[in-house]
């Protein structure tokens, strides 16, 4: 996703949906809002400022759907939201290179043991997107690095 970090905007909030909403619910909310704010559906008698607000809202709704209506971009957006959440939880405990983690053929993921006995886990696809990973048992967070 090019431009500003997509996680900087709450695209679920734009559609009035919860992050747990399924594809059908997201589509339903998008369609309802798009019909409501579509520029062609605005009254000719409406003040110019009100029409401009509707146009801006419609553009925002379209952008939300562009991200959340596509499985790949939605997954990337959700990962970035999760990473932002981790960033706000507290300091990073350690920096670890992906190549230092163990590859698990069974679930196609990388893992690293935490000092608490838990595991840091990240799938191959997620490792390309995320930089922060939380332990599955405690609140420790590591930063994932890649060799250049």
C-alpha atoms as a PDB file:
ATOM      1  CA  UNK A   1       0.000   0.000   0.000  1.00  0.00           C
ATOM      2  CA  UNK A   2       1.589   3.196  -1.147  1.00  0.00           C
ATOM      3  CA  UNK A   3       1.366   6.581   0.536  1.00  0.00           C
ATOM      4  CA  UNK A   4       0.818   7.186   4.221  1.00  0.00           C
ATOM      5  CA  UNK A   5       0.785   4.225   6.540  1.00  0.00           C
ATOM      6  CA  UNK A   6      -2.693   2.745   6.084  1.00  0.00           C
ATOM      7  CA  UNK A   7      -2.916   1.935   9.791  1.00  0.00           C
ATOM      8  CA  UNK A   8      -2.859   5.683  10.518  1.00  0.00           C
ATOM      9  CA  UNK A   9      -6.536   5.786   9.542  1.00  0.00           C
ATOM     10  CA  UNK A  10      -9.297   3.690  11.123  1.00  0.00           C
ATOM     11  CA  UNK A  11     -10.838   2.276   7.954  1.00  0.00           C
ATOM     12  CA  UNK A  12     -13.173   0.054   9.980  1.00  0.00           C
ATOM     13  CA  UNK A  13     -14.492   3.183  11.697  1.00  0.00           C
ATOM     14  CA  UNK A  14     -15.066   4.853   8.320  1.00  0.00           C
ATOM     15  CA  UNK A  15     -17.389   1.980   7.412  1.00  0.00           C
ATOM     16  CA  UNK A  16     -18.863   1.855  10.927  1.00  0.00           C
ATOM     17  CA  UNK A  17     -17.708  -1.744  11.354  1.00  0.00           C
ATOM     18  CA  UNK A  18     -15.784  -3.690  13.959  1.00  0.00           C
ATOM     19  CA  UNK A  19     -12.416  -5.229  13.006  1.00  0.00           C
ATOM     20  CA  UNK A  20     -14.007  -8.651  13.543  1.00  0.00           C
ATOM     21  CA  UNK A  21     -16.634  -7.978  10.830  1.00  0.00           C
ATOM     22  CA  UNK A  22     -16.710 -10.467   7.990  1.00  0.00           C
ATOM     23  CA  UNK A  23     -16.540  -9.705   4.283  1.00  0.00           C
ATOM     24  CA  UNK A  24     -20.347  -9.728   3.872  1.00  0.00           C
ATOM     25  CA  UNK A  25     -20.845  -7.239   6.711  1.00  0.00           C
ATOM     26  CA  UNK A  26     -18.114  -4.939   5.386  1.00  0.00           C
ATOM     27  CA  UNK A  27     -19.656  -5.074   1.900  1.00  0.00           C
ATOM     28  CA  UNK A  28     -23.133  -4.313   3.295  1.00  0.00           C
ATOM     29  CA  UNK A  29     -21.879  -1.308   5.246  1.00  0.00           C
ATOM     30  CA  UNK A  30     -19.854  -0.037   2.283  1.00  0.00           C
ATOM     31  CA  UNK A  31     -22.825  -0.232  -0.083  1.00  0.00           C
ATOM     32  CA  UNK A  32     -25.165   1.536   2.335  1.00  0.00           C
ATOM     33  CA  UNK A  33     -22.700   4.374   2.941  1.00  0.00           C
ATOM     34  CA  UNK A  34     -21.704   4.677  -0.716  1.00  0.00           C
ATOM     35  CA  UNK A  35     -25.359   5.080  -1.699  1.00  0.00           C
ATOM     36  CA  UNK A  36     -25.940   7.614   1.059  1.00  0.00           C
ATOM     37  CA  UNK A  37     -22.926   9.812   0.243  1.00  0.00           C
ATOM     38  CA  UNK A  38     -22.606   9.326  -3.522  1.00  0.00           C
ATOM     39  CA  UNK A  39     -22.240  12.762  -5.189  1.00  0.00           C
ATOM     40  CA  UNK A  40     -24.972  11.981  -7.739  1.00  0.00           C
ATOM     41  CA  UNK A  41     -27.461  11.337  -4.935  1.00  0.00           C
ATOM     42  CA  UNK A  42     -27.032  14.748  -3.298  1.00  0.00           C
ATOM     43  CA  UNK A  43     -29.817  17.286  -3.583  1.00  0.00           C
ATOM     44  CA  UNK A  44     -29.304  20.099  -6.079  1.00  0.00           C
ATOM     45  CA  UNK A  45     -30.669  22.458  -3.403  1.00  0.00           C
ATOM     46  CA  UNK A  46     -27.981  21.495  -0.864  1.00  0.00           C
ATOM     47  CA  UNK A  47     -25.404  24.156   0.042  1.00  0.00           C
ATOM     48  CA  UNK A  48     -22.038  23.777  -1.712  1.00  0.00           C
ATOM     49  CA  UNK A  49     -20.287  23.097   1.612  1.00  0.00           C
ATOM     50  CA  UNK A  50     -22.617  20.210   2.419  1.00  0.00           C
ATOM     51  CA  UNK A  51     -22.119  18.694  -1.025  1.00  0.00           C
ATOM     52  CA  UNK A  52     -18.328  18.988  -0.661  1.00  0.00           C
ATOM     53  CA  UNK A  53     -18.516  17.214   2.729  1.00  0.00           C
ATOM     54  CA  UNK A  54     -20.483  14.391   1.120  1.00  0.00           C
ATOM     55  CA  UNK A  55     -17.958  14.119  -1.707  1.00  0.00           C
ATOM     56  CA  UNK A  56     -15.070  13.935   0.786  1.00  0.00           C
ATOM     57  CA  UNK A  57     -16.945  11.341   2.855  1.00  0.00           C
ATOM     58  CA  UNK A  58     -17.650   9.333  -0.303  1.00  0.00           C
ATOM     59  CA  UNK A  59     -13.948   9.386  -1.240  1.00  0.00           C
ATOM     60  CA  UNK A  60     -13.061   8.203   2.263  1.00  0.00           C
ATOM     61  CA  UNK A  61     -15.646   5.391   2.049  1.00  0.00           C
ATOM     62  CA  UNK A  62     -14.228   4.325  -1.329  1.00  0.00           C
ATOM     63  CA  UNK A  63     -10.689   4.230   0.117  1.00  0.00           C
ATOM     64  CA  UNK A  64     -11.871   2.174   3.106  1.00  0.00           C
ATOM     65  CA  UNK A  65     -13.508  -0.320   0.764  1.00  0.00           C
ATOM     66  CA  UNK A  66     -10.425  -0.420  -1.462  1.00  0.00           C
ATOM     67  CA  UNK A  67      -8.414  -1.588   1.563  1.00  0.00           C
ATOM     68  CA  UNK A  68     -10.958  -3.706   3.461  1.00  0.00           C
ATOM     69  CA  UNK A  69     -12.732  -5.175   0.437  1.00  0.00           C
ATOM     70  CA  UNK A  70      -9.591  -6.905  -0.817  1.00  0.00           C
ATOM     71  CA  UNK A  71      -8.391  -9.913   1.170  1.00  0.00           C
ATOM     72  CA  UNK A  72      -4.685  -9.151   0.699  1.00  0.00           C
ATOM     73  CA  UNK A  73      -4.818  -5.434   1.513  1.00  0.00           C
ATOM     74  CA  UNK A  74      -7.140  -6.119   4.462  1.00  0.00           C
ATOM     75  CA  UNK A  75      -4.681  -8.653   5.860  1.00  0.00           C
ATOM     76  CA  UNK A  76      -1.792  -6.200   5.478  1.00  0.00           C
ATOM     77  CA  UNK A  77      -3.855  -3.420   7.087  1.00  0.00           C
ATOM     78  CA  UNK A  78      -4.810  -5.691  10.001  1.00  0.00           C
ATOM     79  CA  UNK A  79      -1.150  -6.621  10.533  1.00  0.00           C
ATOM     80  CA  UNK A  80      -0.128  -2.952  10.557  1.00  0.00           C
ATOM     81  CA  UNK A  81      -2.937  -2.159  13.043  1.00  0.00           C
ATOM     82  CA  UNK A  82      -1.692  -4.976  15.270  1.00  0.00           C
ATOM     83  CA  UNK A  83       1.870  -3.693  15.005  1.00  0.00           C
ATOM     84  CA  UNK A  84       0.733  -0.178  15.952  1.00  0.00           C
ATOM     85  CA  UNK A  85      -1.053  -1.690  18.944  1.00  0.00           C
ATOM     86  CA  UNK A  86       2.155  -3.464  19.998  1.00  0.00           C
ATOM     87  CA  UNK A  87       4.150  -0.259  19.529  1.00  0.00           C
ATOM     88  CA  UNK A  88       1.843   1.433  22.035  1.00  0.00           C
ATOM     89  CA  UNK A  89       2.110  -1.405  24.565  1.00  0.00           C
ATOM     90  CA  UNK A  90       5.637  -0.682  25.611  1.00  0.00           C
ATOM     91  CA  UNK A  91       9.299  -0.848  24.761  1.00  0.00           C
ATOM     92  CA  UNK A  92      10.883  -3.426  22.509  1.00  0.00           C
ATOM     93  CA  UNK A  93      12.713  -6.092  24.511  1.00  0.00           C
ATOM     94  CA  UNK A  94      15.164  -7.127  21.775  1.00  0.00           C
ATOM     95  CA  UNK A  95      16.018  -6.856  18.100  1.00  0.00           C
ATOM     96  CA  UNK A  96      16.183 -10.165  16.260  1.00  0.00           C
ATOM     97  CA  UNK A  97      17.050 -10.971  12.662  1.00  0.00           C
ATOM     98  CA  UNK A  98      14.555 -13.216  10.897  1.00  0.00           C
ATOM     99  CA  UNK A  99      17.435 -15.489   9.929  1.00  0.00           C
ATOM    100  CA  UNK A 100      18.102 -16.117  13.656  1.00  0.00           C
ATOM    101  CA  UNK A 101      14.630 -17.573  14.145  1.00  0.00           C
ATOM    102  CA  UNK A 102      13.798 -21.260  13.674  1.00  0.00           C
ATOM    103  CA  UNK A 103      11.772 -22.341  10.656  1.00  0.00           C
ATOM    104  CA  UNK A 104       8.825 -24.620  11.493  1.00  0.00           C
ATOM    105  CA  UNK A 105       7.889 -26.715   8.469  1.00  0.00           C
ATOM    106  CA  UNK A 106       4.660 -27.982  10.098  1.00  0.00           C
ATOM    107  CA  UNK A 107       2.944 -24.585  10.303  1.00  0.00           C
ATOM    108  CA  UNK A 108       5.193 -22.686   7.852  1.00  0.00           C
ATOM    109  CA  UNK A 109       6.271 -20.091  10.383  1.00  0.00           C
ATOM    110  CA  UNK A 110       9.348 -18.754  12.103  1.00  0.00           C
ATOM    111  CA  UNK A 111       9.625 -18.944  15.872  1.00  0.00           C
ATOM    112  CA  UNK A 112      11.909 -17.938  18.691  1.00  0.00           C
ATOM    113  CA  UNK A 113      11.750 -18.917  22.337  1.00  0.00           C
ATOM    114  CA  UNK A 114      11.019 -16.145  24.798  1.00  0.00           C
ATOM    115  CA  UNK A 115      12.737 -15.943  28.167  1.00  0.00           C
ATOM    116  CA  UNK A 116       9.345 -16.651  29.806  1.00  0.00           C
ATOM    117  CA  UNK A 117       9.102 -20.003  28.022  1.00  0.00           C
ATOM    118  CA  UNK A 118       6.606 -18.777  25.430  1.00  0.00           C
ATOM    119  CA  UNK A 119       7.223 -18.269  21.730  1.00  0.00           C
ATOM    120  CA  UNK A 120       7.457 -15.440  19.261  1.00  0.00           C
ATOM    121  CA  UNK A 121       5.822 -16.683  16.044  1.00  0.00           C
ATOM    122  CA  UNK A 122       5.476 -15.125  12.608  1.00  0.00           C
ATOM    123  CA  UNK A 123       4.410 -16.626   9.284  1.00  0.00           C
ATOM    124  CA  UNK A 124       6.582 -16.170   6.217  1.00  0.00           C
ATOM    125  CA  UNK A 125       4.050 -13.718   4.708  1.00  0.00           C
ATOM    126  CA  UNK A 126       3.697 -11.745   7.942  1.00  0.00           C
ATOM    127  CA  UNK A 127       7.480 -11.478   8.261  1.00  0.00           C
ATOM    128  CA  UNK A 128       7.507  -9.383   5.080  1.00  0.00           C
ATOM    129  CA  UNK A 129       5.078  -6.856   6.600  1.00  0.00           C
ATOM    130  CA  UNK A 130       5.451  -6.693  10.381  1.00  0.00           C
ATOM    131  CA  UNK A 131       8.417  -5.492  12.376  1.00  0.00           C
ATOM    132  CA  UNK A 132       7.099  -6.100  15.902  1.00  0.00           C
ATOM    133  CA  UNK A 133       6.111  -9.486  17.323  1.00  0.00           C
ATOM    134  CA  UNK A 134       4.674 -10.194  20.757  1.00  0.00           C
ATOM    135  CA  UNK A 135       5.298 -13.317  22.795  1.00  0.00           C
ATOM    136  CA  UNK A 136       2.325 -15.697  22.851  1.00  0.00           C
ATOM    137  CA  UNK A 137       2.595 -16.001  26.650  1.00  0.00           C
ATOM    138  CA  UNK A 138       3.862 -12.715  28.121  1.00  0.00           C
ATOM    139  CA  UNK A 139       3.925  -9.055  27.143  1.00  0.00           C
ATOM    140  CA  UNK A 140       7.485  -8.961  25.787  1.00  0.00           C
ATOM    141  CA  UNK A 141       7.920  -7.605  22.264  1.00  0.00           C
ATOM    142  CA  UNK A 142      10.765  -8.111  19.789  1.00  0.00           C
ATOM    143  CA  UNK A 143      11.618  -6.103  16.699  1.00  0.00           C
ATOM    144  CA  UNK A 144      12.117  -8.217  13.603  1.00  0.00           C
ATOM    145  CA  UNK A 145      15.036  -7.184  11.401  1.00  0.00           C
ATOM    146  CA  UNK A 146      16.145  -8.378   7.973  1.00  0.00           C
ATOM    147  CA  UNK A 147      19.680  -8.579   6.643  1.00  0.00           C
ATOM    148  CA  UNK A 148      20.150  -6.050   3.849  1.00  0.00           C
END
